[in-house]
Amino acid sequence: MSHARNNPKITTLLRKTCQHSAVKHPRQSKRVPPTHPSVLAVPSYHRILVKHGLIEKTLSIPDAYKVFLKVGADPEVQKLRRKVERRDKMKRVPALYLATAMALQGMTKPELDALKLRMEKK
């Protein structure tokens, strides 16, 4: 094996092999999605409402869905959702929650507070 170290072709090949193994591949650097069951067990509409402060995290899933339907039916949210759909050409998005989430994201803190008050009245 000692003659292999003296051979420049084999030494170069060994170095290249070592260098290649040190290269990070793009797939290795991607983040793994969360697999914690409590994160996956909560529907996205529940997380959206909690994120924007419209419901408490402890609200049951059926009750959260009722609130989500009320939020989606709110005229201000519908107006913003239509703006989002036109701007981003999302007319065929099957998930209603995505357009609603984007509409909520476009709302200011006072608008969200006013929405929360409207939801409490209903």
C-alpha atoms as a PDB file:
ATOM      1  CA  MET A   1       0.000   0.000   0.000  1.00  0.00           C
ATOM      2  CA  SER A   2       2.978   2.298   0.534  1.00  0.00           C
ATOM      3  CA  HIS A   3       3.557   2.498  -3.235  1.00  0.00           C
ATOM      4  CA  ALA A   4      -0.020   3.826  -3.649  1.00  0.00           C
ATOM      5  CA  ARG A   5       0.812   6.887  -1.560  1.00  0.00           C
ATOM      6  CA  ASN A   6       3.744   7.680  -3.813  1.00  0.00           C
ATOM      7  CA  ASN A   7       1.686   7.395  -6.977  1.00  0.00           C
ATOM      8  CA  PRO A   8       0.340  10.915  -7.796  1.00  0.00           C
ATOM      9  CA  LYS A   9      -2.742   9.607  -9.688  1.00  0.00           C
ATOM     10  CA  ILE A  10      -3.933   7.513  -6.746  1.00  0.00           C
ATOM     11  CA  THR A  11      -3.174  10.300  -4.274  1.00  0.00           C
ATOM     12  CA  THR A  12      -5.232  12.757  -6.381  1.00  0.00           C
ATOM     13  CA  LEU A  13      -8.076  10.243  -6.636  1.00  0.00           C
ATOM     14  CA  LEU A  14      -8.045   9.718  -2.862  1.00  0.00           C
ATOM     15  CA  ARG A  15      -8.119  13.467  -2.239  1.00  0.00           C
ATOM     16  CA  LYS A  16     -11.016  13.960  -4.641  1.00  0.00           C
ATOM     17  CA  THR A  17     -12.966  11.205  -2.927  1.00  0.00           C
ATOM     18  CA  CYS A  18     -12.389  12.811   0.458  1.00  0.00           C
ATOM     19  CA  GLN A  19     -13.340  16.254  -0.816  1.00  0.00           C
ATOM     20  CA  HIS A  20     -16.527  14.947  -2.401  1.00  0.00           C
ATOM     21  CA  SER A  21     -17.662  13.282   0.782  1.00  0.00           C
ATOM     22  CA  ALA A  22     -17.252  16.599   2.635  1.00  0.00           C
ATOM     23  CA  VAL A  23     -19.605  18.410   0.229  1.00  0.00           C
ATOM     24  CA  LYS A  24     -23.077  18.958   1.599  1.00  0.00           C
ATOM     25  CA  HIS A  25     -25.814  17.923  -0.730  1.00  0.00           C
ATOM     26  CA  PRO A  26     -28.812  20.284  -1.059  1.00  0.00           C
ATOM     27  CA  ARG A  27     -31.283  17.685   0.221  1.00  0.00           C
ATOM     28  CA  GLN A  28     -29.293  17.169   3.419  1.00  0.00           C
ATOM     29  CA  SER A  29     -29.567  20.831   4.402  1.00  0.00           C
ATOM     30  CA  LYS A  30     -33.393  21.021   4.124  1.00  0.00           C
ATOM     31  CA  ARG A  31     -35.284  21.355   7.383  1.00  0.00           C
ATOM     32  CA  VAL A  32     -37.303  18.393   8.527  1.00  0.00           C
ATOM     33  CA  PRO A  33     -41.007  19.248   9.059  1.00  0.00           C
ATOM     34  CA  PRO A  34     -42.204  19.116  12.658  1.00  0.00           C
ATOM     35  CA  THR A  35     -43.393  15.688  13.640  1.00  0.00           C
ATOM     36  CA  HIS A  36     -44.600  16.511  17.128  1.00  0.00           C
ATOM     37  CA  PRO A  37     -48.141  15.049  17.301  1.00  0.00           C
ATOM     38  CA  SER A  38     -49.683  18.094  19.000  1.00  0.00           C
ATOM     39  CA  VAL A  39     -48.587  20.328  16.104  1.00  0.00           C
ATOM     40  CA  LEU A  40     -49.949  18.012  13.445  1.00  0.00           C
ATOM     41  CA  ALA A  41     -53.151  17.193  15.320  1.00  0.00           C
ATOM     42  CA  VAL A  42     -54.377  20.803  15.215  1.00  0.00           C
ATOM     43  CA  PRO A  43     -55.983  21.828  11.901  1.00  0.00           C
ATOM     44  CA  SER A  44     -54.484  24.735  10.010  1.00  0.00           C
ATOM     45  CA  TYR A  45     -57.559  26.936  10.474  1.00  0.00           C
ATOM     46  CA  HIS A  46     -57.137  26.542  14.255  1.00  0.00           C
ATOM     47  CA  ARG A  47     -53.468  27.593  14.041  1.00  0.00           C
ATOM     48  CA  ILE A  48     -54.380  30.564  11.803  1.00  0.00           C
ATOM     49  CA  LEU A  49     -56.980  31.845  14.269  1.00  0.00           C
ATOM     50  CA  VAL A  50     -54.630  31.397  17.239  1.00  0.00           C
ATOM     51  CA  LYS A  51     -51.804  33.134  15.378  1.00  0.00           C
ATOM     52  CA  HIS A  52     -53.956  36.214  14.787  1.00  0.00           C
ATOM     53  CA  GLY A  53     -55.322  36.227  18.313  1.00  0.00           C
ATOM     54  CA  LEU A  54     -58.904  35.483  17.326  1.00  0.00           C
ATOM     55  CA  ILE A  55     -59.226  32.399  19.542  1.00  0.00           C
ATOM     56  CA  GLU A  56     -57.473  30.843  22.507  1.00  0.00           C
ATOM     57  CA  LYS A  57     -55.183  27.891  21.886  1.00  0.00           C
ATOM     58  CA  THR A  58     -57.358  25.740  24.161  1.00  0.00           C
ATOM     59  CA  LEU A  59     -60.567  26.217  22.135  1.00  0.00           C
ATOM     60  CA  SER A  60     -61.919  22.912  20.825  1.00  0.00           C
ATOM     61  CA  ILE A  61     -61.504  22.085  17.155  1.00  0.00           C
ATOM     62  CA  PRO A  62     -65.276  22.083  16.366  1.00  0.00           C
ATOM     63  CA  ASP A  63     -65.691  25.469  18.070  1.00  0.00           C
ATOM     64  CA  ALA A  64     -62.639  26.829  16.268  1.00  0.00           C
ATOM     65  CA  TYR A  65     -64.133  25.734  12.953  1.00  0.00           C
ATOM     66  CA  LYS A  66     -67.359  27.604  13.751  1.00  0.00           C
ATOM     67  CA  VAL A  67     -65.328  30.730  14.518  1.00  0.00           C
ATOM     68  CA  PHE A  68     -63.352  30.245  11.309  1.00  0.00           C
ATOM     69  CA  LEU A  69     -66.562  30.092   9.283  1.00  0.00           C
ATOM     70  CA  LYS A  70     -67.752  33.298  10.964  1.00  0.00           C
ATOM     71  CA  VAL A  71     -64.426  34.984  10.243  1.00  0.00           C
ATOM     72  CA  GLY A  72     -64.627  33.890   6.606  1.00  0.00           C
ATOM     73  CA  ALA A  73     -68.169  35.248   6.366  1.00  0.00           C
ATOM     74  CA  ASP A  74     -67.173  38.664   7.733  1.00  0.00           C
ATOM     75  CA  PRO A  75     -67.585  41.335   5.019  1.00  0.00           C
ATOM     76  CA  GLU A  76     -64.187  42.947   5.757  1.00  0.00           C
ATOM     77  CA  VAL A  77     -62.382  39.616   5.512  1.00  0.00           C
ATOM     78  CA  GLN A  78     -64.244  38.758   2.304  1.00  0.00           C
ATOM     79  CA  LYS A  79     -63.218  42.096   0.797  1.00  0.00           C
ATOM     80  CA  LEU A  80     -59.572  41.530   1.705  1.00  0.00           C
ATOM     81  CA  ARG A  81     -59.743  37.925   0.511  1.00  0.00           C
ATOM     82  CA  ARG A  82     -60.994  39.075  -2.897  1.00  0.00           C
ATOM     83  CA  LYS A  83     -58.101  41.562  -3.087  1.00  0.00           C
ATOM     84  CA  VAL A  84     -55.634  38.799  -2.260  1.00  0.00           C
ATOM     85  CA  GLU A  85     -57.202  36.438  -4.790  1.00  0.00           C
ATOM     86  CA  ARG A  86     -57.036  39.037  -7.557  1.00  0.00           C
ATOM     87  CA  ARG A  87     -53.532  40.171  -6.710  1.00  0.00           C
ATOM     88  CA  ASP A  88     -52.067  36.682  -6.450  1.00  0.00           C
ATOM     89  CA  LYS A  89     -54.340  35.090  -9.073  1.00  0.00           C
ATOM     90  CA  MET A  90     -55.462  32.474  -6.551  1.00  0.00           C
ATOM     91  CA  LYS A  91     -58.922  31.975  -7.984  1.00  0.00           C
ATOM     92  CA  ARG A  92     -58.527  28.196  -8.143  1.00  0.00           C
ATOM     93  CA  VAL A  93     -57.040  27.631  -4.708  1.00  0.00           C
ATOM     94  CA  PRO A  94     -59.031  24.751  -3.252  1.00  0.00           C
ATOM     95  CA  ALA A  95     -58.216  25.655   0.321  1.00  0.00           C
ATOM     96  CA  LEU A  96     -60.436  28.475   1.474  1.00  0.00           C
ATOM     97  CA  TYR A  97     -58.323  28.779   4.597  1.00  0.00           C
ATOM     98  CA  LEU A  98     -55.298  29.885   2.593  1.00  0.00           C
ATOM     99  CA  ALA A  99     -57.033  32.949   1.152  1.00  0.00           C
ATOM    100  CA  THR A 100     -58.540  33.737   4.563  1.00  0.00           C
ATOM    101  CA  ALA A 101     -55.138  33.382   6.221  1.00  0.00           C
ATOM    102  CA  MET A 102     -53.595  35.759   3.699  1.00  0.00           C
ATOM    103  CA  ALA A 103     -56.449  38.230   4.224  1.00  0.00           C
ATOM    104  CA  LEU A 104     -55.927  38.093   7.997  1.00  0.00           C
ATOM    105  CA  GLN A 105     -52.208  38.585   7.509  1.00  0.00           C
ATOM    106  CA  GLY A 106     -52.928  41.753   5.553  1.00  0.00           C
ATOM    107  CA  MET A 107     -54.989  43.213   8.391  1.00  0.00           C
ATOM    108  CA  THR A 108     -53.569  45.693  10.879  1.00  0.00           C
ATOM    109  CA  LYS A 109     -53.749  45.189  14.641  1.00  0.00           C
ATOM    110  CA  PRO A 110     -56.748  47.576  15.025  1.00  0.00           C
ATOM    111  CA  GLU A 111     -58.567  45.785  12.170  1.00  0.00           C
ATOM    112  CA  LEU A 112     -57.958  42.419  13.848  1.00  0.00           C
ATOM    113  CA  ASP A 113     -59.221  43.809  17.161  1.00  0.00           C
ATOM    114  CA  ALA A 114     -62.367  45.118  15.453  1.00  0.00           C
ATOM    115  CA  LEU A 115     -62.862  41.714  13.806  1.00  0.00           C
ATOM    116  CA  LYS A 116     -62.486  39.996  17.161  1.00  0.00           C
ATOM    117  CA  LEU A 117     -65.181  42.278  18.627  1.00  0.00           C
ATOM    118  CA  ARG A 118     -67.503  41.514  15.701  1.00  0.00           C
ATOM    119  CA  MET A 119     -66.968  37.780  16.232  1.00  0.00           C
ATOM    120  CA  GLU A 120     -67.808  38.071  19.931  1.00  0.00           C
ATOM    121  CA  LYS A 121     -71.088  39.850  19.096  1.00  0.00           C
ATOM    122  CA  LYS A 122     -72.214  37.113  16.692  1.00  0.00           C
END
